[in-house]
């Protein structure tokens, strides 16, 4: 409510599939169904009318990667989950070409199949030349969960992501604050297949959630899950740190408005963009 009190909460379950050893994938349409189910259940639990909802925010697992048709929204493959190792050969290939340090300096991230860049490259390669041509022609979308949900939620199918999620793809330049065309070329990913990067507190569009709301409700913010936790814990000044305990454990520290590169294996990314300004984080 207006005082920040939680009125209700609900969960929508969706499975993880393991088709091969070391692989993990999910169905994007099942994400969408789970979100719709949980939203409707939350409103019912809260005992409020849908028209009382003032705005929607999205917090998402950051590295899971999907590919879909830009015109129809149809997923072309199951999404590759963050812990999936199927793209490790692509990361190794790029490392052998001598690009690992260049990529780290530009993106703040150590070259790894953990991040979406190699996953996106695998999704394009797995679809063959026809899929690669469609991506280059701007007919496909490659994105993380937040961009898929924004696409599904908005009536005009907006294809957008925020600074925190973009900075975890290993394709986003931390200094220019834009998709790095050279690194995209290394992975064979057309920039036109990537989402428009917006401030985390931007209005991403509006949604009726397939008729749940009588009037469109604005989507007023997007943040990757760990970054949202950093913000939620009030770590808004340089030097403030939060710890995450979940599937893995990590520390994240706000380092202010300038990127700092670690020489000890800690990665750098963007905490968020808000009010037209960005903050950076160290994470390990």
C-alpha atoms as a PDB file:
ATOM      1  CA  UNK A   1       0.000   0.000   0.000  1.00  0.00           C
ATOM      2  CA  UNK A   2       1.056   3.666   0.135  1.00  0.00           C
ATOM      3  CA  UNK A   3       2.915   3.045   3.391  1.00  0.00           C
ATOM      4  CA  UNK A   4       4.935   0.207   1.878  1.00  0.00           C
ATOM      5  CA  UNK A   5       3.153  -2.571   3.741  1.00  0.00           C
ATOM      6  CA  UNK A   6       2.777  -5.900   1.946  1.00  0.00           C
ATOM      7  CA  UNK A   7      -0.922  -6.693   1.560  1.00  0.00           C
ATOM      8  CA  UNK A   8      -0.596 -10.107  -0.075  1.00  0.00           C
ATOM      9  CA  UNK A   9       1.773 -12.365  -2.004  1.00  0.00           C
ATOM     10  CA  UNK A  10       1.449 -15.430  -4.214  1.00  0.00           C
ATOM     11  CA  UNK A  11       3.689 -17.756  -6.201  1.00  0.00           C
ATOM     12  CA  UNK A  12       3.263 -19.338  -9.614  1.00  0.00           C
ATOM     13  CA  UNK A  13       5.326 -22.463 -10.185  1.00  0.00           C
ATOM     14  CA  UNK A  14       7.108 -23.359 -13.425  1.00  0.00           C
ATOM     15  CA  UNK A  15       9.462 -26.315 -13.959  1.00  0.00           C
ATOM     16  CA  UNK A  16      13.095 -26.553 -15.007  1.00  0.00           C
ATOM     17  CA  UNK A  17      13.834 -29.200 -17.627  1.00  0.00           C
ATOM     18  CA  UNK A  18      17.121 -31.120 -17.888  1.00  0.00           C
ATOM     19  CA  UNK A  19      17.238 -32.631 -21.406  1.00  0.00           C
ATOM     20  CA  UNK A  20      20.946 -33.518 -21.241  1.00  0.00           C
ATOM     21  CA  UNK A  21      23.633 -33.690 -18.581  1.00  0.00           C
ATOM     22  CA  UNK A  22      24.722 -30.150 -17.692  1.00  0.00           C
ATOM     23  CA  UNK A  23      21.775 -28.564 -19.513  1.00  0.00           C
ATOM     24  CA  UNK A  24      18.894 -26.676 -17.884  1.00  0.00           C
ATOM     25  CA  UNK A  25      15.998 -24.986 -19.665  1.00  0.00           C
ATOM     26  CA  UNK A  26      12.566 -23.468 -19.089  1.00  0.00           C
ATOM     27  CA  UNK A  27       9.533 -22.678 -21.229  1.00  0.00           C
ATOM     28  CA  UNK A  28       8.937 -18.899 -21.548  1.00  0.00           C
ATOM     29  CA  UNK A  29       5.192 -19.412 -21.967  1.00  0.00           C
ATOM     30  CA  UNK A  30       5.189 -21.112 -18.561  1.00  0.00           C
ATOM     31  CA  UNK A  31       6.825 -17.986 -17.076  1.00  0.00           C
ATOM     32  CA  UNK A  32       3.968 -15.952 -18.487  1.00  0.00           C
ATOM     33  CA  UNK A  33       1.286 -18.303 -17.168  1.00  0.00           C
ATOM     34  CA  UNK A  34       2.888 -18.317 -13.723  1.00  0.00           C
ATOM     35  CA  UNK A  35       3.040 -14.504 -13.602  1.00  0.00           C
ATOM     36  CA  UNK A  36      -0.608 -14.161 -14.639  1.00  0.00           C
ATOM     37  CA  UNK A  37      -1.707 -16.776 -12.105  1.00  0.00           C
ATOM     38  CA  UNK A  38       0.281 -15.238  -9.254  1.00  0.00           C
ATOM     39  CA  UNK A  39      -0.928 -11.723 -10.058  1.00  0.00           C
ATOM     40  CA  UNK A  40      -4.593 -12.695 -10.035  1.00  0.00           C
ATOM     41  CA  UNK A  41      -4.167 -14.739  -6.838  1.00  0.00           C
ATOM     42  CA  UNK A  42      -2.364 -11.859  -5.095  1.00  0.00           C
ATOM     43  CA  UNK A  43      -5.170  -9.420  -5.912  1.00  0.00           C
ATOM     44  CA  UNK A  44      -7.740 -11.889  -4.592  1.00  0.00           C
ATOM     45  CA  UNK A  45      -5.788 -12.450  -1.375  1.00  0.00           C
ATOM     46  CA  UNK A  46      -5.426  -8.710  -0.839  1.00  0.00           C
ATOM     47  CA  UNK A  47      -9.180  -8.226  -1.199  1.00  0.00           C
ATOM     48  CA  UNK A  48      -8.774  -5.280  -3.530  1.00  0.00           C
ATOM     49  CA  UNK A  49     -10.179  -4.401  -6.933  1.00  0.00           C
ATOM     50  CA  UNK A  50      -7.797  -4.653  -9.901  1.00  0.00           C
ATOM     51  CA  UNK A  51      -8.359  -0.963 -10.686  1.00  0.00           C
ATOM     52  CA  UNK A  52      -6.724  -0.086  -7.358  1.00  0.00           C
ATOM     53  CA  UNK A  53      -3.337  -1.241  -8.697  1.00  0.00           C
ATOM     54  CA  UNK A  54      -1.238   1.873  -9.346  1.00  0.00           C
ATOM     55  CA  UNK A  55       1.785   0.266 -10.976  1.00  0.00           C
ATOM     56  CA  UNK A  56       3.754  -2.905 -11.665  1.00  0.00           C
ATOM     57  CA  UNK A  57       7.452  -3.655 -11.176  1.00  0.00           C
ATOM     58  CA  UNK A  58       9.521  -6.588 -12.435  1.00  0.00           C
ATOM     59  CA  UNK A  59      12.411  -8.248 -10.604  1.00  0.00           C
ATOM     60  CA  UNK A  60      13.911 -11.212 -12.429  1.00  0.00           C
ATOM     61  CA  UNK A  61      16.621 -13.855 -12.446  1.00  0.00           C
ATOM     62  CA  UNK A  62      19.228 -12.132 -14.553  1.00  0.00           C
ATOM     63  CA  UNK A  63      21.052 -14.546 -16.869  1.00  0.00           C
ATOM     64  CA  UNK A  64      18.345 -16.910 -18.153  1.00  0.00           C
ATOM     65  CA  UNK A  65      17.993 -16.235 -21.890  1.00  0.00           C
ATOM     66  CA  UNK A  66      15.178 -16.601 -24.427  1.00  0.00           C
ATOM     67  CA  UNK A  67      14.695 -16.163 -28.176  1.00  0.00           C
ATOM     68  CA  UNK A  68      11.366 -15.360 -29.808  1.00  0.00           C
ATOM     69  CA  UNK A  69       9.740 -14.094 -32.993  1.00  0.00           C
ATOM     70  CA  UNK A  70       9.451 -10.304 -32.804  1.00  0.00           C
ATOM     71  CA  UNK A  71       6.154 -10.202 -34.710  1.00  0.00           C
ATOM     72  CA  UNK A  72       4.288 -13.107 -33.123  1.00  0.00           C
ATOM     73  CA  UNK A  73       5.994 -13.482 -29.735  1.00  0.00           C
ATOM     74  CA  UNK A  74       6.399 -17.216 -30.309  1.00  0.00           C
ATOM     75  CA  UNK A  75       9.484 -18.670 -28.546  1.00  0.00           C
ATOM     76  CA  UNK A  76      11.770 -20.467 -30.991  1.00  0.00           C
ATOM     77  CA  UNK A  77      13.409 -22.630 -28.315  1.00  0.00           C
ATOM     78  CA  UNK A  78      13.160 -23.328 -24.647  1.00  0.00           C
ATOM     79  CA  UNK A  79      14.980 -20.627 -22.657  1.00  0.00           C
ATOM     80  CA  UNK A  80      18.506 -21.434 -21.466  1.00  0.00           C
ATOM     81  CA  UNK A  81      18.631 -21.225 -17.667  1.00  0.00           C
ATOM     82  CA  UNK A  82      21.467 -19.405 -15.924  1.00  0.00           C
ATOM     83  CA  UNK A  83      23.261 -22.559 -14.700  1.00  0.00           C
ATOM     84  CA  UNK A  84      23.120 -24.346 -18.089  1.00  0.00           C
ATOM     85  CA  UNK A  85      26.556 -25.226 -19.482  1.00  0.00           C
ATOM     86  CA  UNK A  86      25.672 -25.923 -23.119  1.00  0.00           C
ATOM     87  CA  UNK A  87      27.384 -22.754 -24.397  1.00  0.00           C
ATOM     88  CA  UNK A  88      30.730 -23.408 -22.687  1.00  0.00           C
ATOM     89  CA  UNK A  89      32.330 -24.372 -26.010  1.00  0.00           C
ATOM     90  CA  UNK A  90      31.446 -20.973 -27.468  1.00  0.00           C
ATOM     91  CA  UNK A  91      33.019 -19.157 -24.515  1.00  0.00           C
ATOM     92  CA  UNK A  92      36.129 -21.335 -24.860  1.00  0.00           C
ATOM     93  CA  UNK A  93      36.294 -20.608 -28.590  1.00  0.00           C
ATOM     94  CA  UNK A  94      36.247 -16.850 -27.978  1.00  0.00           C
ATOM     95  CA  UNK A  95      38.847 -17.195 -25.227  1.00  0.00           C
ATOM     96  CA  UNK A  96      41.136 -19.063 -27.611  1.00  0.00           C
ATOM     97  CA  UNK A  97      40.785 -16.174 -30.052  1.00  0.00           C
ATOM     98  CA  UNK A  98      42.350 -13.961 -27.375  1.00  0.00           C
ATOM     99  CA  UNK A  99      39.335 -11.795 -26.528  1.00  0.00           C
ATOM    100  CA  UNK A 100      38.775 -12.667 -22.853  1.00  0.00           C
ATOM    101  CA  UNK A 101      40.569  -9.676 -21.330  1.00  0.00           C
ATOM    102  CA  UNK A 102      39.107  -7.249 -23.866  1.00  0.00           C
ATOM    103  CA  UNK A 103      35.618  -8.454 -22.974  1.00  0.00           C
ATOM    104  CA  UNK A 104      36.305  -8.183 -19.245  1.00  0.00           C
ATOM    105  CA  UNK A 105      37.590  -4.635 -19.549  1.00  0.00           C
ATOM    106  CA  UNK A 106      34.577  -3.499 -21.566  1.00  0.00           C
ATOM    107  CA  UNK A 107      31.796  -5.368 -19.731  1.00  0.00           C
ATOM    108  CA  UNK A 108      33.251  -5.916 -16.246  1.00  0.00           C
ATOM    109  CA  UNK A 109      32.519  -9.654 -16.526  1.00  0.00           C
ATOM    110  CA  UNK A 110      34.896 -12.565 -16.891  1.00  0.00           C
ATOM    111  CA  UNK A 111      34.277 -14.537 -20.088  1.00  0.00           C
ATOM    112  CA  UNK A 112      31.900 -17.364 -19.211  1.00  0.00           C
ATOM    113  CA  UNK A 113      28.957 -19.361 -20.572  1.00  0.00           C
ATOM    114  CA  UNK A 114      27.136 -18.320 -17.384  1.00  0.00           C
ATOM    115  CA  UNK A 115      26.291 -14.966 -18.974  1.00  0.00           C
ATOM    116  CA  UNK A 116      23.702 -14.517 -21.768  1.00  0.00           C
ATOM    117  CA  UNK A 117      26.153 -13.611 -24.559  1.00  0.00           C
ATOM    118  CA  UNK A 118      27.314 -17.195 -25.118  1.00  0.00           C
ATOM    119  CA  UNK A 119      23.763 -18.478 -24.574  1.00  0.00           C
ATOM    120  CA  UNK A 120      22.449 -16.116 -27.263  1.00  0.00           C
ATOM    121  CA  UNK A 121      25.209 -17.234 -29.617  1.00  0.00           C
ATOM    122  CA  UNK A 122      24.227 -20.870 -29.037  1.00  0.00           C
ATOM    123  CA  UNK A 123      20.544 -20.134 -29.705  1.00  0.00           C
ATOM    124  CA  UNK A 124      21.430 -18.487 -33.018  1.00  0.00           C
ATOM    125  CA  UNK A 125      23.864 -21.183 -34.095  1.00  0.00           C
ATOM    126  CA  UNK A 126      21.455 -23.964 -33.149  1.00  0.00           C
ATOM    127  CA  UNK A 127      18.840 -22.488 -35.488  1.00  0.00           C
ATOM    128  CA  UNK A 128      21.187 -22.476 -38.462  1.00  0.00           C
ATOM    129  CA  UNK A 129      21.742 -19.862 -41.151  1.00  0.00           C
ATOM    130  CA  UNK A 130      18.050 -19.067 -41.591  1.00  0.00           C
ATOM    131  CA  UNK A 131      17.641 -18.100 -37.936  1.00  0.00           C
ATOM    132  CA  UNK A 132      20.826 -16.049 -38.004  1.00  0.00           C
ATOM    133  CA  UNK A 133      19.574 -14.168 -41.073  1.00  0.00           C
ATOM    134  CA  UNK A 134      16.217 -13.458 -39.424  1.00  0.00           C
ATOM    135  CA  UNK A 135      18.030 -12.089 -36.376  1.00  0.00           C
ATOM    136  CA  UNK A 136      20.218  -9.878 -38.561  1.00  0.00           C
ATOM    137  CA  UNK A 137      17.068  -8.615 -40.322  1.00  0.00           C
ATOM    138  CA  UNK A 138      15.587  -7.523 -36.982  1.00  0.00           C
ATOM    139  CA  UNK A 139      12.877 -10.194 -36.960  1.00  0.00           C
ATOM    140  CA  UNK A 140      13.934 -11.972 -33.753  1.00  0.00           C
ATOM    141  CA  UNK A 141      14.348 -10.967 -30.116  1.00  0.00           C
ATOM    142  CA  UNK A 142      17.148 -12.211 -27.865  1.00  0.00           C
ATOM    143  CA  UNK A 143      16.602 -11.268 -24.249  1.00  0.00           C
ATOM    144  CA  UNK A 144      16.490 -12.040 -20.566  1.00  0.00           C
ATOM    145  CA  UNK A 145      13.327 -12.808 -18.574  1.00  0.00           C
ATOM    146  CA  UNK A 146      12.517  -9.159 -17.895  1.00  0.00           C
ATOM    147  CA  UNK A 147      12.477  -8.274 -21.597  1.00  0.00           C
ATOM    148  CA  UNK A 148      10.253 -11.267 -22.361  1.00  0.00           C
ATOM    149  CA  UNK A 149       7.761 -10.248 -19.666  1.00  0.00           C
ATOM    150  CA  UNK A 150       7.726  -6.605 -20.791  1.00  0.00           C
ATOM    151  CA  UNK A 151       7.088  -7.827 -24.351  1.00  0.00           C
ATOM    152  CA  UNK A 152       4.210 -10.069 -23.211  1.00  0.00           C
ATOM    153  CA  UNK A 153       2.708  -7.514 -20.844  1.00  0.00           C
ATOM    154  CA  UNK A 154       2.605  -4.497 -23.140  1.00  0.00           C
ATOM    155  CA  UNK A 155      -0.050  -4.107 -25.801  1.00  0.00           C
ATOM    156  CA  UNK A 156       2.474  -2.784 -28.326  1.00  0.00           C
ATOM    157  CA  UNK A 157       4.955  -5.569 -27.457  1.00  0.00           C
ATOM    158  CA  UNK A 158       7.691  -3.234 -26.229  1.00  0.00           C
ATOM    159  CA  UNK A 159      11.139  -4.853 -26.345  1.00  0.00           C
ATOM    160  CA  UNK A 160      13.012  -3.229 -23.465  1.00  0.00           C
ATOM    161  CA  UNK A 161      15.401  -4.081 -20.646  1.00  0.00           C
ATOM    162  CA  UNK A 162      17.049  -2.077 -17.865  1.00  0.00           C
ATOM    163  CA  UNK A 163      20.662  -1.197 -17.113  1.00  0.00           C
ATOM    164  CA  UNK A 164      21.093  -3.864 -14.428  1.00  0.00           C
ATOM    165  CA  UNK A 165      19.986  -6.714 -16.687  1.00  0.00           C
ATOM    166  CA  UNK A 166      21.783  -5.386 -19.772  1.00  0.00           C
ATOM    167  CA  UNK A 167      25.051  -5.134 -17.845  1.00  0.00           C
ATOM    168  CA  UNK A 168      24.888  -8.854 -16.979  1.00  0.00           C
ATOM    169  CA  UNK A 169      24.650 -10.030 -20.593  1.00  0.00           C
ATOM    170  CA  UNK A 170      28.406  -9.623 -21.283  1.00  0.00           C
ATOM    171  CA  UNK A 171      27.434  -7.515 -24.314  1.00  0.00           C
ATOM    172  CA  UNK A 172      26.993  -4.119 -22.631  1.00  0.00           C
ATOM    173  CA  UNK A 173      29.838  -1.614 -22.392  1.00  0.00           C
ATOM    174  CA  UNK A 174      30.049  -0.151 -18.885  1.00  0.00           C
ATOM    175  CA  UNK A 175      31.755   3.039 -20.078  1.00  0.00           C
ATOM    176  CA  UNK A 176      29.670   3.920 -23.132  1.00  0.00           C
ATOM    177  CA  UNK A 177      26.452   2.600 -21.513  1.00  0.00           C
ATOM    178  CA  UNK A 178      25.456   0.983 -24.793  1.00  0.00           C
ATOM    179  CA  UNK A 179      25.578  -2.416 -26.476  1.00  0.00           C
ATOM    180  CA  UNK A 180      29.193  -3.027 -27.479  1.00  0.00           C
ATOM    181  CA  UNK A 181      29.070  -3.631 -31.242  1.00  0.00           C
ATOM    182  CA  UNK A 182      32.536  -5.188 -31.384  1.00  0.00           C
ATOM    183  CA  UNK A 183      31.759  -7.711 -28.655  1.00  0.00           C
ATOM    184  CA  UNK A 184      28.378  -8.468 -30.217  1.00  0.00           C
ATOM    185  CA  UNK A 185      30.256  -9.290 -33.434  1.00  0.00           C
ATOM    186  CA  UNK A 186      32.611 -11.624 -31.533  1.00  0.00           C
ATOM    187  CA  UNK A 187      29.590 -13.645 -30.400  1.00  0.00           C
ATOM    188  CA  UNK A 188      27.776 -13.297 -33.726  1.00  0.00           C
ATOM    189  CA  UNK A 189      24.840 -11.410 -32.201  1.00  0.00           C
ATOM    190  CA  UNK A 190      23.156  -8.595 -34.202  1.00  0.00           C
ATOM    191  CA  UNK A 191      22.571  -5.507 -32.062  1.00  0.00           C
ATOM    192  CA  UNK A 192      19.125  -5.152 -33.669  1.00  0.00           C
ATOM    193  CA  UNK A 193      18.106  -8.411 -31.950  1.00  0.00           C
ATOM    194  CA  UNK A 194      18.769  -6.913 -28.498  1.00  0.00           C
ATOM    195  CA  UNK A 195      16.376  -4.933 -26.323  1.00  0.00           C
ATOM    196  CA  UNK A 196      16.325  -1.174 -25.927  1.00  0.00           C
ATOM    197  CA  UNK A 197      18.093  -0.335 -22.642  1.00  0.00           C
ATOM    198  CA  UNK A 198      16.149   1.955 -20.290  1.00  0.00           C
ATOM    199  CA  UNK A 199      16.520   3.429 -16.840  1.00  0.00           C
ATOM    200  CA  UNK A 200      15.486   0.983 -14.150  1.00  0.00           C
ATOM    201  CA  UNK A 201      12.825   3.437 -12.968  1.00  0.00           C
ATOM    202  CA  UNK A 202      11.469   4.137 -16.462  1.00  0.00           C
ATOM    203  CA  UNK A 203       7.891   3.498 -17.528  1.00  0.00           C
ATOM    204  CA  UNK A 204       8.200   0.465 -19.815  1.00  0.00           C
ATOM    205  CA  UNK A 205       4.650   0.573 -21.104  1.00  0.00           C
ATOM    206  CA  UNK A 206       1.267  -0.425 -19.744  1.00  0.00           C
ATOM    207  CA  UNK A 207      -0.680  -3.664 -19.474  1.00  0.00           C
ATOM    208  CA  UNK A 208      -4.193  -5.014 -18.986  1.00  0.00           C
ATOM    209  CA  UNK A 209      -2.669  -8.463 -18.345  1.00  0.00           C
ATOM    210  CA  UNK A 210      -5.024 -10.077 -20.825  1.00  0.00           C
ATOM    211  CA  UNK A 211      -8.095  -8.371 -19.390  1.00  0.00           C
ATOM    212  CA  UNK A 212      -7.353  -8.654 -15.654  1.00  0.00           C
ATOM    213  CA  UNK A 213      -7.214  -4.843 -15.459  1.00  0.00           C
ATOM    214  CA  UNK A 214     -10.039  -2.813 -16.959  1.00  0.00           C
ATOM    215  CA  UNK A 215      -7.599   0.022 -17.703  1.00  0.00           C
ATOM    216  CA  UNK A 216      -3.912  -0.362 -18.611  1.00  0.00           C
ATOM    217  CA  UNK A 217      -1.586  -0.312 -15.586  1.00  0.00           C
ATOM    218  CA  UNK A 218       1.914   1.168 -16.042  1.00  0.00           C
ATOM    219  CA  UNK A 219       5.043  -0.971 -15.684  1.00  0.00           C
ATOM    220  CA  UNK A 220       7.101   1.448 -13.626  1.00  0.00           C
ATOM    221  CA  UNK A 221      10.361  -0.345 -12.974  1.00  0.00           C
ATOM    222  CA  UNK A 222      12.622  -3.287 -13.860  1.00  0.00           C
ATOM    223  CA  UNK A 223      15.623  -4.612 -11.910  1.00  0.00           C
ATOM    224  CA  UNK A 224      17.603  -7.831 -11.852  1.00  0.00           C
ATOM    225  CA  UNK A 225      16.907  -9.758  -8.653  1.00  0.00           C
ATOM    226  CA  UNK A 226      20.218  -9.165  -6.848  1.00  0.00           C
ATOM    227  CA  UNK A 227      20.190  -5.498  -7.820  1.00  0.00           C
ATOM    228  CA  UNK A 228      16.612  -5.148  -6.577  1.00  0.00           C
ATOM    229  CA  UNK A 229      17.724  -6.666  -3.267  1.00  0.00           C
ATOM    230  CA  UNK A 230      20.590  -4.160  -3.065  1.00  0.00           C
ATOM    231  CA  UNK A 231      18.098  -1.334  -3.562  1.00  0.00           C
ATOM    232  CA  UNK A 232      15.553  -2.863  -1.199  1.00  0.00           C
ATOM    233  CA  UNK A 233      18.156  -3.177   1.550  1.00  0.00           C
ATOM    234  CA  UNK A 234      18.859   0.539   1.213  1.00  0.00           C
ATOM    235  CA  UNK A 235      22.400   0.217  -0.164  1.00  0.00           C
ATOM    236  CA  UNK A 236      22.155   3.508  -2.022  1.00  0.00           C
ATOM    237  CA  UNK A 237      25.584   4.949  -1.172  1.00  0.00           C
ATOM    238  CA  UNK A 238      29.091   3.812  -2.201  1.00  0.00           C
ATOM    239  CA  UNK A 239      30.556   1.251   0.192  1.00  0.00           C
ATOM    240  CA  UNK A 240      27.228  -0.213   1.288  1.00  0.00           C
ATOM    241  CA  UNK A 241      27.037  -4.008   0.927  1.00  0.00           C
ATOM    242  CA  UNK A 242      24.333  -6.681   1.039  1.00  0.00           C
ATOM    243  CA  UNK A 243      24.634 -10.478   1.162  1.00  0.00           C
ATOM    244  CA  UNK A 244      22.428 -12.915  -0.748  1.00  0.00           C
ATOM    245  CA  UNK A 245      21.726 -16.459   0.436  1.00  0.00           C
ATOM    246  CA  UNK A 246      19.807 -18.555  -2.066  1.00  0.00           C
ATOM    247  CA  UNK A 247      20.753 -21.120  -4.708  1.00  0.00           C
ATOM    248  CA  UNK A 248      24.194 -19.559  -4.315  1.00  0.00           C
ATOM    249  CA  UNK A 249      25.707 -17.026  -1.929  1.00  0.00           C
ATOM    250  CA  UNK A 250      27.086 -13.684  -3.019  1.00  0.00           C
ATOM    251  CA  UNK A 251      28.094 -10.230  -1.845  1.00  0.00           C
ATOM    252  CA  UNK A 252      27.245  -7.055  -3.741  1.00  0.00           C
ATOM    253  CA  UNK A 253      28.643  -3.597  -3.001  1.00  0.00           C
ATOM    254  CA  UNK A 254      27.531  -0.223  -4.321  1.00  0.00           C
ATOM    255  CA  UNK A 255      30.637   1.534  -5.716  1.00  0.00           C
ATOM    256  CA  UNK A 256      29.019   4.749  -6.920  1.00  0.00           C
ATOM    257  CA  UNK A 257      28.906   6.401 -10.315  1.00  0.00           C
ATOM    258  CA  UNK A 258      32.224   5.137 -11.753  1.00  0.00           C
ATOM    259  CA  UNK A 259      33.146   1.523 -12.633  1.00  0.00           C
ATOM    260  CA  UNK A 260      35.984  -0.155 -10.741  1.00  0.00           C
ATOM    261  CA  UNK A 261      37.646  -3.277 -12.138  1.00  0.00           C
ATOM    262  CA  UNK A 262      38.714  -5.999  -9.712  1.00  0.00           C
ATOM    263  CA  UNK A 263      41.921  -8.012 -10.090  1.00  0.00           C
ATOM    264  CA  UNK A 264      40.665 -10.694  -7.681  1.00  0.00           C
ATOM    265  CA  UNK A 265      37.852 -12.335  -9.632  1.00  0.00           C
ATOM    266  CA  UNK A 266      35.043 -10.009  -8.523  1.00  0.00           C
ATOM    267  CA  UNK A 267      32.832  -8.790 -11.371  1.00  0.00           C
ATOM    268  CA  UNK A 268      31.572  -5.278 -12.087  1.00  0.00           C
ATOM    269  CA  UNK A 269      28.114  -4.412 -13.383  1.00  0.00           C
ATOM    270  CA  UNK A 270      25.541  -1.655 -13.173  1.00  0.00           C
ATOM    271  CA  UNK A 271      23.440  -1.476 -10.041  1.00  0.00           C
ATOM    272  CA  UNK A 272      20.691   0.482 -11.784  1.00  0.00           C
ATOM    273  CA  UNK A 273      19.910   3.558 -13.770  1.00  0.00           C
ATOM    274  CA  UNK A 274      17.505   5.987 -12.127  1.00  0.00           C
ATOM    275  CA  UNK A 275      16.798   9.639 -12.566  1.00  0.00           C
ATOM    276  CA  UNK A 276      19.061   9.644 -15.608  1.00  0.00           C
ATOM    277  CA  UNK A 277      22.124   8.536 -13.581  1.00  0.00           C
ATOM    278  CA  UNK A 278      23.752   5.145 -13.021  1.00  0.00           C
ATOM    279  CA  UNK A 279      25.452   3.443 -10.084  1.00  0.00           C
ATOM    280  CA  UNK A 280      27.876   0.515 -10.377  1.00  0.00           C
ATOM    281  CA  UNK A 281      28.408  -2.554  -8.198  1.00  0.00           C
ATOM    282  CA  UNK A 282      31.086  -5.114  -7.438  1.00  0.00           C
ATOM    283  CA  UNK A 283      29.748  -8.645  -6.997  1.00  0.00           C
ATOM    284  CA  UNK A 284      31.320 -11.922  -6.014  1.00  0.00           C
END
